[in-house]
PDB file of N, CA and C in Angstrom:
ATOM      1  N   MET A   1      48.288 -79.009 148.892  1.00  0.00           N
ATOM      2  CA  MET A   1      49.704 -79.404 149.038  1.00  0.00           C
ATOM      3  C   MET A   1      49.942 -79.710 150.582  1.00  0.00           C
ATOM      4  N   ILE A   2      50.688 -80.705 150.842  1.00  0.00           N
ATOM      5  CA  ILE A   2      50.941 -81.165 152.121  1.00  0.00           C
ATOM      6  C   ILE A   2      52.468 -81.085 152.337  1.00  0.00           C
ATOM      7  N   THR A   3      52.804 -80.516 153.474  1.00  0.00           N
ATOM      8  CA  THR A   3      54.333 -80.310 153.793  1.00  0.00           C
ATOM      9  C   THR A   3      54.613 -80.817 155.207  1.00  0.00           C
ATOM     10  N   ALA A   4      55.745 -81.291 155.448  1.00  0.00           N
ATOM     11  CA  ALA A   4      56.263 -81.707 156.705  1.00  0.00           C
ATOM     12  C   ALA A   4      57.604 -81.078 156.928  1.00  0.00           C
ATOM     13  N   TYR A   5      57.760 -80.562 158.191  1.00  0.00           N
ATOM     14  CA  TYR A   5      59.088 -79.795 158.504  1.00  0.00           C
ATOM     15  C   TYR A   5      59.380 -79.873 159.945  1.00  0.00           C
ATOM     16  N   PRO A   6      60.552 -79.740 160.350  1.00  0.00           N
ATOM     17  CA  PRO A   6      60.860 -79.823 161.828  1.00  0.00           C
ATOM     18  C   PRO A   6      60.029 -78.765 162.648  1.00  0.00           C
ATOM     19  N   ALA A   7      59.548 -79.157 163.689  1.00  0.00           N
ATOM     20  CA  ALA A   7      58.826 -78.234 164.547  1.00  0.00           C
ATOM     21  C   ALA A   7      59.821 -77.232 165.121  1.00  0.00           C
ATOM     22  N   GLU A   8      59.386 -76.191 165.656  1.00  0.00           N
ATOM     23  CA  GLU A   8      60.185 -75.169 166.279  1.00  0.00           C
ATOM     24  C   GLU A   8      61.056 -75.720 167.449  1.00  0.00           C
ATOM     25  N   ALA A   9      62.277 -75.349 167.502  1.00  0.00           N
ATOM     26  CA  ALA A   9      63.111 -75.755 168.596  1.00  0.00           C
ATOM     27  C   ALA A   9      62.577 -75.290 169.829  1.00  0.00           C
ATOM     28  N   GLY A  10      62.763 -76.139 170.982  1.00  0.00           N
ATOM     29  CA  GLY A  10      62.252 -75.786 172.262  1.00  0.00           C
ATOM     30  C   GLY A  10      60.826 -76.065 172.459  1.00  0.00           C
ATOM     31  N   GLY A  11      60.161 -76.761 171.497  1.00  0.00           N
ATOM     32  CA  GLY A  11      58.770 -77.208 171.578  1.00  0.00           C
ATOM     33  C   GLY A  11      58.631 -78.222 172.657  1.00  0.00           C
ATOM     34  N   ALA A  12      57.295 -78.584 172.941  1.00  0.00           N
ATOM     35  CA  ALA A  12      56.971 -79.560 174.007  1.00  0.00           C
ATOM     36  C   ALA A  12      57.450 -80.961 173.666  1.00  0.00           C
ATOM     37  N   THR A  13      57.533 -81.355 172.307  1.00  0.00           N
ATOM     38  CA  THR A  13      57.991 -82.654 171.953  1.00  0.00           C
ATOM     39  C   THR A  13      59.263 -82.660 171.278  1.00  0.00           C
ATOM     40  N   PRO A  14      60.381 -83.238 171.937  1.00  0.00           N
ATOM     41  CA  PRO A  14      61.522 -83.345 171.189  1.00  0.00           C
ATOM     42  C   PRO A  14      61.403 -84.129 169.858  1.00  0.00           C
ATOM     43  N   SER A  15      62.193 -83.776 168.902  1.00  0.00           N
ATOM     44  CA  SER A  15      62.133 -84.410 167.577  1.00  0.00           C
ATOM     45  C   SER A  15      60.737 -84.343 166.925  1.00  0.00           C
ATOM     46  N   ALA A  16      60.032 -83.374 167.190  1.00  0.00           N
ATOM     47  CA  ALA A  16      58.623 -83.205 166.593  1.00  0.00           C
ATOM     48  C   ALA A  16      58.730 -82.645 165.203  1.00  0.00           C
ATOM     49  N   THR A  17      57.745 -83.079 164.383  1.00  0.00           N
ATOM     50  CA  THR A  17      57.622 -82.683 163.093  1.00  0.00           C
ATOM     51  C   THR A  17      56.260 -81.981 162.809  1.00  0.00           C
ATOM     52  N   THR A  18      56.195 -80.886 162.191  1.00  0.00           N
ATOM     53  CA  THR A  18      54.864 -80.290 161.862  1.00  0.00           C
ATOM     54  C   THR A  18      54.409 -80.766 160.504  1.00  0.00           C
ATOM     55  N   VAL A  19      53.231 -81.246 160.453  1.00  0.00           N
ATOM     56  CA  VAL A  19      52.604 -81.701 159.238  1.00  0.00           C
ATOM     57  C   VAL A  19      51.569 -80.591 158.878  1.00  0.00           C
ATOM     58  N   ALA A  20      51.703 -80.007 157.797  1.00  0.00           N
ATOM     59  CA  ALA A  20      50.776 -78.983 157.384  1.00  0.00           C
ATOM     60  C   ALA A  20      50.016 -79.360 156.171  1.00  0.00           C
ATOM     61  N   ALA A  21      48.692 -79.262 156.155  1.00  0.00           N
ATOM     62  CA  ALA A  21      47.776 -79.535 155.002  1.00  0.00           C
ATOM     63  C   ALA A  21      46.901 -78.296 154.953  1.00  0.00           C
ATOM     64  N   PRO A  22      46.194 -78.182 153.777  1.00  0.00           N
ATOM     65  CA  PRO A  22      45.201 -77.020 153.591  1.00  0.00           C
ATOM     66  C   PRO A  22      44.280 -77.017 154.661  1.00  0.00           C
ATOM     67  N   SER A  23      43.829 -78.117 155.281  1.00  0.00           N
ATOM     68  CA  SER A  23      42.834 -78.157 156.354  1.00  0.00           C
ATOM     69  C   SER A  23      43.379 -77.804 157.751  1.00  0.00           C
ATOM     70  N   GLY A  24      44.673 -77.650 157.900  1.00  0.00           N
ATOM     71  CA  GLY A  24      45.194 -77.303 159.188  1.00  0.00           C
ATOM     72  C   GLY A  24      46.626 -78.022 159.342  1.00  0.00           C
ATOM     73  N   SER A  25      47.143 -77.866 160.511  1.00  0.00           N
ATOM     74  CA  SER A  25      48.471 -78.432 160.824  1.00  0.00           C
ATOM     75  C   SER A  25      48.547 -78.988 162.246  1.00  0.00           C
ATOM     76  N   VAL A  26      49.411 -80.025 162.294  1.00  0.00           N
ATOM     77  CA  VAL A  26      49.573 -80.678 163.663  1.00  0.00           C
ATOM     78  C   VAL A  26      51.044 -80.920 163.839  1.00  0.00           C
ATOM     79  N   SER A  27      51.452 -81.176 165.084  1.00  0.00           N
ATOM     80  CA  SER A  27      52.873 -81.604 165.346  1.00  0.00           C
ATOM     81  C   SER A  27      52.774 -83.042 165.812  1.00  0.00           C
ATOM     82  N   ILE A  28      53.688 -83.884 165.273  1.00  0.00           N
ATOM     83  CA  ILE A  28      53.809 -85.322 165.544  1.00  0.00           C
ATOM     84  C   ILE A  28      55.173 -85.577 166.101  1.00  0.00           C
ATOM     85  N   GLY A  29      55.229 -86.470 167.007  1.00  0.00           N
ATOM     86  CA  GLY A  29      56.529 -86.857 167.645  1.00  0.00           C
ATOM     87  C   GLY A  29      56.850 -88.336 167.185  1.00  0.00           C
ATOM     88  N   PRO A  30      58.044 -88.841 167.609  1.00  0.00           N
ATOM     89  CA  PRO A  30      58.340 -90.189 167.353  1.00  0.00           C
ATOM     90  C   PRO A  30      57.206 -91.153 167.809  1.00  0.00           C
ATOM     91  N   GLY A  31      56.882 -92.100 166.842  1.00  0.00           N
ATOM     92  CA  GLY A  31      55.836 -93.062 167.180  1.00  0.00           C
ATOM     93  C   GLY A  31      54.506 -92.541 166.954  1.00  0.00           C
ATOM     94  N   GLN A  32      54.317 -91.496 166.097  1.00  0.00           N
ATOM     95  CA  GLN A  32      53.050 -90.942 165.745  1.00  0.00           C
ATOM     96  C   GLN A  32      52.960 -90.743 164.251  1.00  0.00           C
ATOM     97  N   PHE A  33      51.688 -90.761 163.749  1.00  0.00           N
ATOM     98  CA  PHE A  33      51.603 -90.352 162.344  1.00  0.00           C
ATOM     99  C   PHE A  33      50.345 -89.440 162.284  1.00  0.00           C
ATOM    100  N   ALA A  34      50.304 -88.717 161.163  1.00  0.00           N
ATOM    101  CA  ALA A  34      49.183 -87.819 160.933  1.00  0.00           C
ATOM    102  C   ALA A  34      48.348 -88.244 159.726  1.00  0.00           C
ATOM    103  N   LEU A  35      47.028 -88.446 159.945  1.00  0.00           N
ATOM    104  CA  LEU A  35      46.136 -88.925 158.896  1.00  0.00           C
ATOM    105  C   LEU A  35      45.489 -87.573 158.352  1.00  0.00           C
ATOM    106  N   ILE A  36      45.627 -87.420 157.041  1.00  0.00           N
ATOM    107  CA  ILE A  36      45.095 -86.222 156.473  1.00  0.00           C
ATOM    108  C   ILE A  36      43.947 -86.593 155.498  1.00  0.00           C
ATOM    109  N   GLY A  37      42.800 -85.999 155.798  1.00  0.00           N
ATOM    110  CA  GLY A  37      41.571 -86.414 155.028  1.00  0.00           C
ATOM    111  C   GLY A  37      41.323 -85.295 154.082  1.00  0.00           C
ATOM    112  N   PRO A  38      40.136 -85.282 153.518  1.00  0.00           N
ATOM    113  CA  PRO A  38      39.627 -84.210 152.635  1.00  0.00           C
ATOM    114  C   PRO A  38      39.691 -82.883 153.388  1.00  0.00           C
ATOM    115  N   SER A  39      39.909 -81.770 152.578  1.00  0.00           N
ATOM    116  CA  SER A  39      40.025 -80.478 153.141  1.00  0.00           C
ATOM    117  C   SER A  39      38.754 -80.121 154.003  1.00  0.00           C
ATOM    118  N   SER A  40      37.621 -80.705 153.834  1.00  0.00           N
ATOM    119  CA  SER A  40      36.441 -80.334 154.668  1.00  0.00           C
ATOM    120  C   SER A  40      36.406 -81.172 156.017  1.00  0.00           C
ATOM    121  N   SER A  41      37.408 -82.065 156.111  1.00  0.00           N
ATOM    122  CA  SER A  41      37.353 -82.919 157.342  1.00  0.00           C
ATOM    123  C   SER A  41      38.123 -82.329 158.507  1.00  0.00           C
ATOM    124  N   GLY A  42      38.590 -81.116 158.433  1.00  0.00           N
ATOM    125  CA  GLY A  42      39.336 -80.563 159.572  1.00  0.00           C
ATOM    126  C   GLY A  42      40.831 -80.860 159.491  1.00  0.00           C
ATOM    127  N   SER A  43      41.470 -80.485 160.638  1.00  0.00           N
ATOM    128  CA  SER A  43      42.848 -80.659 160.769  1.00  0.00           C
ATOM    129  C   SER A  43      43.260 -82.094 160.710  1.00  0.00           C
ATOM    130  N   PRO A  44      44.447 -82.456 160.348  1.00  0.00           N
ATOM    131  CA  PRO A  44      44.901 -83.902 160.365  1.00  0.00           C
ATOM    132  C   PRO A  44      44.768 -84.468 161.721  1.00  0.00           C
ATOM    133  N   LYS A  45      44.412 -85.743 161.771  1.00  0.00           N
ATOM    134  CA  LYS A  45      44.269 -86.473 163.041  1.00  0.00           C
ATOM    135  C   LYS A  45      45.558 -87.178 163.368  1.00  0.00           C
ATOM    136  N   VAL A  46      45.964 -87.135 164.618  1.00  0.00           N
ATOM    137  CA  VAL A  46      47.278 -87.751 165.071  1.00  0.00           C
ATOM    138  C   VAL A  46      46.965 -89.059 165.861  1.00  0.00           C
ATOM    139  N   PHE A  47      47.692 -90.094 165.412  1.00  0.00           N
ATOM    140  CA  PHE A  47      47.611 -91.382 166.015  1.00  0.00           C
ATOM    141  C   PHE A  47      48.965 -91.932 166.432  1.00  0.00           C
ATOM    142  N   ASN A  48      48.915 -92.595 167.634  1.00  0.00           N
ATOM    143  CA  ASN A  48      50.115 -93.270 167.984  1.00  0.00           C
ATOM    144  C   ASN A  48      50.254 -94.628 167.338  1.00  0.00           C
ATOM    145  N   VAL A  49      51.455 -94.976 167.049  1.00  0.00           N
ATOM    146  CA  VAL A  49      51.802 -96.266 166.297  1.00  0.00           C
ATOM    147  C   VAL A  49      52.771 -97.084 167.162  1.00  0.00           C
ATOM    148  N   ASP A  50      52.385 -98.324 167.301  1.00  0.00           N
ATOM    149  CA  ASP A  50      53.198 -99.249 168.079  1.00  0.00           C
ATOM    150  C   ASP A  50      54.478 -99.535 167.184  1.00  0.00           C
ATOM    151  N   VAL A  51      55.478 -98.763 167.423  1.00  0.00           N
ATOM    152  CA  VAL A  51      56.699 -98.752 166.606  1.00  0.00           C
ATOM    153  C   VAL A  51      57.340-100.131 166.579  1.00  0.00           C
ATOM    154  N   GLY A  52      57.336-100.807 167.700  1.00  0.00           N
ATOM    155  CA  GLY A  52      57.928-102.147 167.858  1.00  0.00           C
ATOM    156  C   GLY A  52      57.193-103.110 166.978  1.00  0.00           C
ATOM    157  N   GLN A  53      55.887-103.016 167.020  1.00  0.00           N
ATOM    158  CA  GLN A  53      55.141-103.949 166.104  1.00  0.00           C
ATOM    159  C   GLN A  53      55.327-103.716 164.663  1.00  0.00           C
ATOM    160  N   VAL A  54      55.429-102.367 164.270  1.00  0.00           N
ATOM    161  CA  VAL A  54      55.640-102.086 162.855  1.00  0.00           C
ATOM    162  C   VAL A  54      57.079-102.555 162.442  1.00  0.00           C
ATOM    163  N   PHE A  55      57.985-102.297 163.407  1.00  0.00           N
ATOM    164  CA  PHE A  55      59.416-102.805 163.086  1.00  0.00           C
ATOM    165  C   PHE A  55      59.570-104.294 162.855  1.00  0.00           C
ATOM    166  N   ARG A  56      58.765-104.986 163.734  1.00  0.00           N
ATOM    167  CA  ARG A  56      58.727-106.480 163.612  1.00  0.00           C
ATOM    168  C   ARG A  56      57.981-107.046 162.381  1.00  0.00           C
ATOM    169  N   SER A  57      56.973-106.368 161.959  1.00  0.00           N
ATOM    170  CA  SER A  57      56.051-106.988 160.996  1.00  0.00           C
ATOM    171  C   SER A  57      55.934-106.289 159.611  1.00  0.00           C
ATOM    172  N   SER A  58      56.437-105.035 159.458  1.00  0.00           N
ATOM    173  CA  SER A  58      56.105-104.409 158.229  1.00  0.00           C
ATOM    174  C   SER A  58      57.251-104.684 157.152  1.00  0.00           C
ATOM    175  N   PRO A  59      56.778-105.156 155.996  1.00  0.00           N
ATOM    176  CA  PRO A  59      57.732-105.266 154.907  1.00  0.00           C
ATOM    177  C   PRO A  59      58.383-104.024 154.503  1.00  0.00           C
ATOM    178  N   LEU A  60      57.747-102.844 154.779  1.00  0.00           N
ATOM    179  CA  LEU A  60      58.356-101.595 154.496  1.00  0.00           C
ATOM    180  C   LEU A  60      59.608-101.241 155.286  1.00  0.00           C
ATOM    181  N   VAL A  61      59.677-102.059 156.390  1.00  0.00           N
ATOM    182  CA  VAL A  61      60.855-101.894 157.306  1.00  0.00           C
ATOM    183  C   VAL A  61      61.808-103.044 157.141  1.00  0.00           C
ATOM    184  N   ASN A  62      61.329-104.296 157.166  1.00  0.00           N
ATOM    185  CA  ASN A  62      62.197-105.374 157.252  1.00  0.00           C
ATOM    186  C   ASN A  62      62.336-106.283 156.075  1.00  0.00           C
ATOM    187  N   ALA A  63      61.911-105.935 154.886  1.00  0.00           N
ATOM    188  CA  ALA A  63      61.984-106.734 153.750  1.00  0.00           C
ATOM    189  C   ALA A  63      63.309-106.552 152.914  1.00  0.00           C
ATOM    190  N   PHE A  64      64.161-105.698 153.428  1.00  0.00           N
ATOM    191  CA  PHE A  64      65.352-105.432 152.788  1.00  0.00           C
ATOM    192  C   PHE A  64      66.405-106.435 153.079  1.00  0.00           C
ATOM    193  N   PRO A  65      67.389-106.687 152.098  1.00  0.00           N
ATOM    194  CA  PRO A  65      68.400-107.759 152.411  1.00  0.00           C
ATOM    195  C   PRO A  65      69.430-107.400 153.510  1.00  0.00           C
ATOM    196  N   THR A  66      69.409-106.109 153.824  1.00  0.00           N
ATOM    197  CA  THR A  66      70.328-105.600 154.994  1.00  0.00           C
ATOM    198  C   THR A  66      69.542-104.724 155.810  1.00  0.00           C
ATOM    199  N   PRO A  67      69.891-104.677 157.185  1.00  0.00           N
ATOM    200  CA  PRO A  67      69.081-103.881 158.092  1.00  0.00           C
ATOM    201  C   PRO A  67      69.122-102.344 157.577  1.00  0.00           C
ATOM    202  N   LEU A  68      68.058-101.662 157.857  1.00  0.00           N
ATOM    203  CA  LEU A  68      67.971-100.289 157.687  1.00  0.00           C
ATOM    204  C   LEU A  68      69.055 -99.459 158.355  1.00  0.00           C
ATOM    205  N   PRO A  69      69.645 -98.469 157.706  1.00  0.00           N
ATOM    206  CA  PRO A  69      70.643 -97.714 158.489  1.00  0.00           C
ATOM    207  C   PRO A  69      70.108 -97.057 159.743  1.00  0.00           C
ATOM    208  N   THR A  70      68.731 -96.781 159.786  1.00  0.00           N
ATOM    209  CA  THR A  70      68.099 -96.078 160.903  1.00  0.00           C
ATOM    210  C   THR A  70      67.485 -97.152 161.966  1.00  0.00           C
ATOM    211  N   ALA A  71      67.877 -98.435 161.686  1.00  0.00           N
ATOM    212  CA  ALA A  71      67.356 -99.481 162.609  1.00  0.00           C
ATOM    213  C   ALA A  71      67.518 -99.162 164.017  1.00  0.00           C
ATOM    214  N   GLY A  72      68.675 -98.697 164.433  1.00  0.00           N
ATOM    215  CA  GLY A  72      69.004 -98.323 165.832  1.00  0.00           C
ATOM    216  C   GLY A  72      68.073 -97.251 166.350  1.00  0.00           C
ATOM    217  N   ALA A  73      67.795 -96.190 165.563  1.00  0.00           N
ATOM    218  CA  ALA A  73      66.977 -95.069 165.983  1.00  0.00           C
ATOM    219  C   ALA A  73      65.508 -95.600 166.100  1.00  0.00           C
ATOM    220  N   ILE A  74      65.104 -96.502 165.240  1.00  0.00           N
ATOM    221  CA  ILE A  74      63.702 -97.034 165.262  1.00  0.00           C
ATOM    222  C   ILE A  74      63.519 -97.820 166.584  1.00  0.00           C
ATOM    223  N   LEU A  75      64.490 -98.700 166.825  1.00  0.00           N
ATOM    224  CA  LEU A  75      64.409 -99.526 168.051  1.00  0.00           C
ATOM    225  C   LEU A  75      64.533 -98.657 169.363  1.00  0.00           C
ATOM    226  N   GLN A  76      65.257 -97.611 169.351  1.00  0.00           N
ATOM    227  CA  GLN A  76      65.278 -96.691 170.399  1.00  0.00           C
ATOM    228  C   GLN A  76      63.916 -96.007 170.627  1.00  0.00           C
ATOM    229  N   THR A  77      63.282 -95.602 169.605  1.00  0.00           N
ATOM    230  CA  THR A  77      61.902 -94.972 169.680  1.00  0.00           C
ATOM    231  C   THR A  77      60.939 -96.129 170.182  1.00  0.00           C
ATOM    232  N   ALA A  78      61.115 -97.331 169.795  1.00  0.00           N
ATOM    233  CA  ALA A  78      60.189 -98.386 170.236  1.00  0.00           C
ATOM    234  C   ALA A  78      60.410 -98.612 171.734  1.00  0.00           C
ATOM    235  N   THR A  79      61.583 -98.572 172.215  1.00  0.00           N
ATOM    236  CA  THR A  79      61.898 -98.824 173.579  1.00  0.00           C
ATOM    237  C   THR A  79      61.349 -97.651 174.419  1.00  0.00           C
ATOM    238  N   LEU A  80      61.584 -96.476 174.075  1.00  0.00           N
ATOM    239  CA  LEU A  80      61.028 -95.306 174.698  1.00  0.00           C
ATOM    240  C   LEU A  80      59.511 -95.302 174.755  1.00  0.00           C
ATOM    241  N   GLN A  81      58.900 -95.776 173.666  1.00  0.00           N
ATOM    242  CA  GLN A  81      57.385 -95.780 173.576  1.00  0.00           C
ATOM    243  C   GLN A  81      56.960 -96.849 174.548  1.00  0.00           C
ATOM    244  N   GLN A  82      57.604 -97.988 174.719  1.00  0.00           N
ATOM    245  CA  GLN A  82      57.087 -99.034 175.642  1.00  0.00           C
ATOM    246  C   GLN A  82      57.284 -98.561 177.085  1.00  0.00           C
ATOM    247  N   ALA A  83      58.381 -97.821 177.354  1.00  0.00           N
ATOM    248  CA  ALA A  83      58.559 -97.302 178.710  1.00  0.00           C
ATOM    249  C   ALA A  83      57.420 -96.279 179.014  1.00  0.00           C
ATOM    250  N   THR A  84      56.996 -95.595 178.084  1.00  0.00           N
ATOM    251  CA  THR A  84      55.854 -94.625 178.288  1.00  0.00           C
ATOM    252  C   THR A  84      54.534 -95.349 178.460  1.00  0.00           C
ATOM    253  N   VAL A  85      54.386 -96.491 177.826  1.00  0.00           N
ATOM    254  CA  VAL A  85      53.176 -97.269 178.061  1.00  0.00           C
ATOM    255  C   VAL A  85      53.205 -97.842 179.523  1.00  0.00           C
ATOM    256  N   ARG A  86      54.375 -98.374 179.919  1.00  0.00           N
ATOM    257  CA  ARG A  86      54.512 -98.953 181.137  1.00  0.00           C
ATOM    258  C   ARG A  86      54.280 -97.912 182.274  1.00  0.00           C
ATOM    259  N   ALA A  87      54.645 -96.664 181.911  1.00  0.00           N
ATOM    260  CA  ALA A  87      54.518 -95.626 182.987  1.00  0.00           C
ATOM    261  C   ALA A  87      53.063 -95.009 182.969  1.00  0.00           C
ATOM    262  N   GLY A  88      52.265 -95.537 182.097  1.00  0.00           N
ATOM    263  CA  GLY A  88      50.824 -95.081 182.060  1.00  0.00           C
ATOM    264  C   GLY A  88      50.622 -93.786 181.288  1.00  0.00           C
ATOM    265  N   GLY A  89      51.669 -93.386 180.489  1.00  0.00           N
ATOM    266  CA  GLY A  89      51.564 -92.198 179.666  1.00  0.00           C
ATOM    267  C   GLY A  89      50.899 -92.447 178.262  1.00  0.00           C
ATOM    268  N   MET A  90      50.702 -93.733 178.007  1.00  0.00           N
ATOM    269  CA  MET A  90      50.028 -94.069 176.681  1.00  0.00           C
ATOM    270  C   MET A  90      49.438 -95.465 176.973  1.00  0.00           C
ATOM    271  N   SER A  91      48.276 -95.671 176.333  1.00  0.00           N
ATOM    272  CA  SER A  91      47.680 -97.048 176.512  1.00  0.00           C
ATOM    273  C   SER A  91      47.348 -97.597 175.210  1.00  0.00           C
ATOM    274  N   SER A  92      47.298 -98.897 174.984  1.00  0.00           N
ATOM    275  CA  SER A  92      47.046 -99.652 173.903  1.00  0.00           C
ATOM    276  C   SER A  92      45.569 -99.668 173.630  1.00  0.00           C
ATOM    277  N   THR A  93      45.196 -99.431 172.318  1.00  0.00           N
ATOM    278  CA  THR A  93      43.811 -99.634 171.945  1.00  0.00           C
ATOM    279  C   THR A  93      43.581-100.930 171.374  1.00  0.00           C
ATOM    280  N   GLY A  94      44.543-101.784 171.175  1.00  0.00           N
ATOM    281  CA  GLY A  94      44.393-103.118 170.596  1.00  0.00           C
ATOM    282  C   GLY A  94      44.300-103.128 169.032  1.00  0.00           C
ATOM    283  N   THR A  95      44.287-101.951 168.485  1.00  0.00           N
ATOM    284  CA  THR A  95      44.199-101.824 167.080  1.00  0.00           C
ATOM    285  C   THR A  95      45.527-102.250 166.358  1.00  0.00           C
ATOM    286  N   VAL A  96      45.332-103.107 165.363  1.00  0.00           N
ATOM    287  CA  VAL A  96      46.493-103.566 164.649  1.00  0.00           C
ATOM    288  C   VAL A  96      46.406-103.199 163.104  1.00  0.00           C
ATOM    289  N   GLY A  97      45.282-102.789 162.728  1.00  0.00           N
ATOM    290  CA  GLY A  97      45.132-102.369 161.320  1.00  0.00           C
ATOM    291  C   GLY A  97      44.268-101.085 161.241  1.00  0.00           C
ATOM    292  N   LEU A  98      44.600-100.329 160.183  1.00  0.00           N
ATOM    293  CA  LEU A  98      43.853 -99.075 160.027  1.00  0.00           C
ATOM    294  C   LEU A  98      43.610 -98.870 158.543  1.00  0.00           C
ATOM    295  N   ALA A  99      42.440 -98.446 158.140  1.00  0.00           N
ATOM    296  CA  ALA A  99      42.164 -98.055 156.778  1.00  0.00           C
ATOM    297  C   ALA A  99      41.257 -96.925 156.815  1.00  0.00           C
ATOM    298  N   VAL A 100      41.174 -96.166 155.712  1.00  0.00           N
ATOM    299  CA  VAL A 100      40.296 -95.035 155.526  1.00  0.00           C
ATOM    300  C   VAL A 100      39.412 -95.296 154.359  1.00  0.00           C
ATOM    301  N   ALA A 101      38.084 -95.250 154.630  1.00  0.00           N
ATOM    302  CA  ALA A 101      37.026 -95.478 153.644  1.00  0.00           C
ATOM    303  C   ALA A 101      37.033 -94.250 152.767  1.00  0.00           C
ATOM    304  N   SER A 102      36.381 -94.421 151.563  1.00  0.00           N
ATOM    305  CA  SER A 102      36.337 -93.320 150.596  1.00  0.00           C
ATOM    306  C   SER A 102      35.619 -92.134 151.073  1.00  0.00           C
ATOM    307  N   ASP A 103      34.756 -92.226 152.055  1.00  0.00           N
ATOM    308  CA  ASP A 103      34.105 -91.109 152.652  1.00  0.00           C
ATOM    309  C   ASP A 103      34.847 -90.463 153.817  1.00  0.00           C
ATOM    310  N   GLY A 104      36.032 -90.984 154.054  1.00  0.00           N
ATOM    311  CA  GLY A 104      36.863 -90.429 155.182  1.00  0.00           C
ATOM    312  C   GLY A 104      36.684 -91.163 156.505  1.00  0.00           C
ATOM    313  N   THR A 105      35.839 -92.153 156.642  1.00  0.00           N
ATOM    314  CA  THR A 105      35.630 -92.850 157.856  1.00  0.00           C
ATOM    315  C   THR A 105      36.807 -93.701 158.083  1.00  0.00           C
ATOM    316  N   ILE A 106      37.253 -93.660 159.446  1.00  0.00           N
ATOM    317  CA  ILE A 106      38.411 -94.319 159.761  1.00  0.00           C
ATOM    318  C   ILE A 106      37.984 -95.777 160.324  1.00  0.00           C
ATOM    319  N   LEU A 107      38.548 -96.771 159.701  1.00  0.00           N
ATOM    320  CA  LEU A 107      38.226 -98.111 159.999  1.00  0.00           C
ATOM    321  C   LEU A 107      39.377 -98.810 160.655  1.00  0.00           C
ATOM    322  N   THR A 108      39.125 -99.506 161.788  1.00  0.00           N
ATOM    323  CA  THR A 108      40.208-100.116 162.523  1.00  0.00           C
ATOM    324  C   THR A 108      39.940-101.620 162.680  1.00  0.00           C
ATOM    325  N   GLY A 109      41.027-102.393 162.828  1.00  0.00           N
ATOM    326  CA  GLY A 109      40.831-103.850 163.112  1.00  0.00           C
ATOM    327  C   GLY A 109      41.772-104.221 164.387  1.00  0.00           C
ATOM    328  N   SER A 110      41.241-105.105 165.179  1.00  0.00           N
ATOM    329  CA  SER A 110      41.917-105.426 166.309  1.00  0.00           C
ATOM    330  C   SER A 110      42.532-106.779 166.187  1.00  0.00           C
ATOM    331  N   SER A 111      43.410-107.198 167.020  1.00  0.00           N
ATOM    332  CA  SER A 111      44.010-108.526 166.965  1.00  0.00           C
ATOM    333  C   SER A 111      42.999-109.463 167.476  1.00  0.00           C
ATOM    334  N   LYS A 112      43.139-110.744 166.974  1.00  0.00           N
ATOM    335  CA  LYS A 112      42.181-111.826 167.386  1.00  0.00           C
ATOM    336  C   LYS A 112      42.522-112.166 168.816  1.00  0.00           C
ATOM    337  N   PRO A 113      41.482-112.534 169.584  1.00  0.00           N
ATOM    338  CA  PRO A 113      41.679-112.976 170.960  1.00  0.00           C
ATOM    339  C   PRO A 113      42.583-114.252 170.997  1.00  0.00           C
ATOM    340  N   LYS A 114      43.335-114.375 171.962  1.00  0.00           N
ATOM    341  CA  LYS A 114      44.141-115.519 172.174  1.00  0.00           C
ATOM    342  C   LYS A 114      43.381-116.681 172.624  1.00  0.00           C
ATOM    343  N   SER A 115      43.619-117.805 172.142  1.00  0.00           N
ATOM    344  CA  SER A 115      42.817-118.980 172.447  1.00  0.00           C
ATOM    345  C   SER A 115      43.189-119.572 173.761  1.00  0.00           C
TER     346      SER A 115
END
């Protein structure tokens, strides 16, 4: 069973969420996700997500006939994330796609070089 719940108040990351799985638990903040593998693979792995890119390109976000009620909060997170990147607190890996193989291997894809 996997659960997610607000992290304890006063923690290091505002708006953090704790993701708990049988293999362990992690805290994630805005702009992050937790990848949970088989119970033998250890604690969930935390990845940063380019929130702006997801907001611009994901049908899960923008395929609705009207904007999401949380669009403002999503854009605010994207803006804060870009400020963190500019300040050197986070760097881009160039990864634009992620998949998990049946054996738990994480597969990534990068954007094509600009011509």
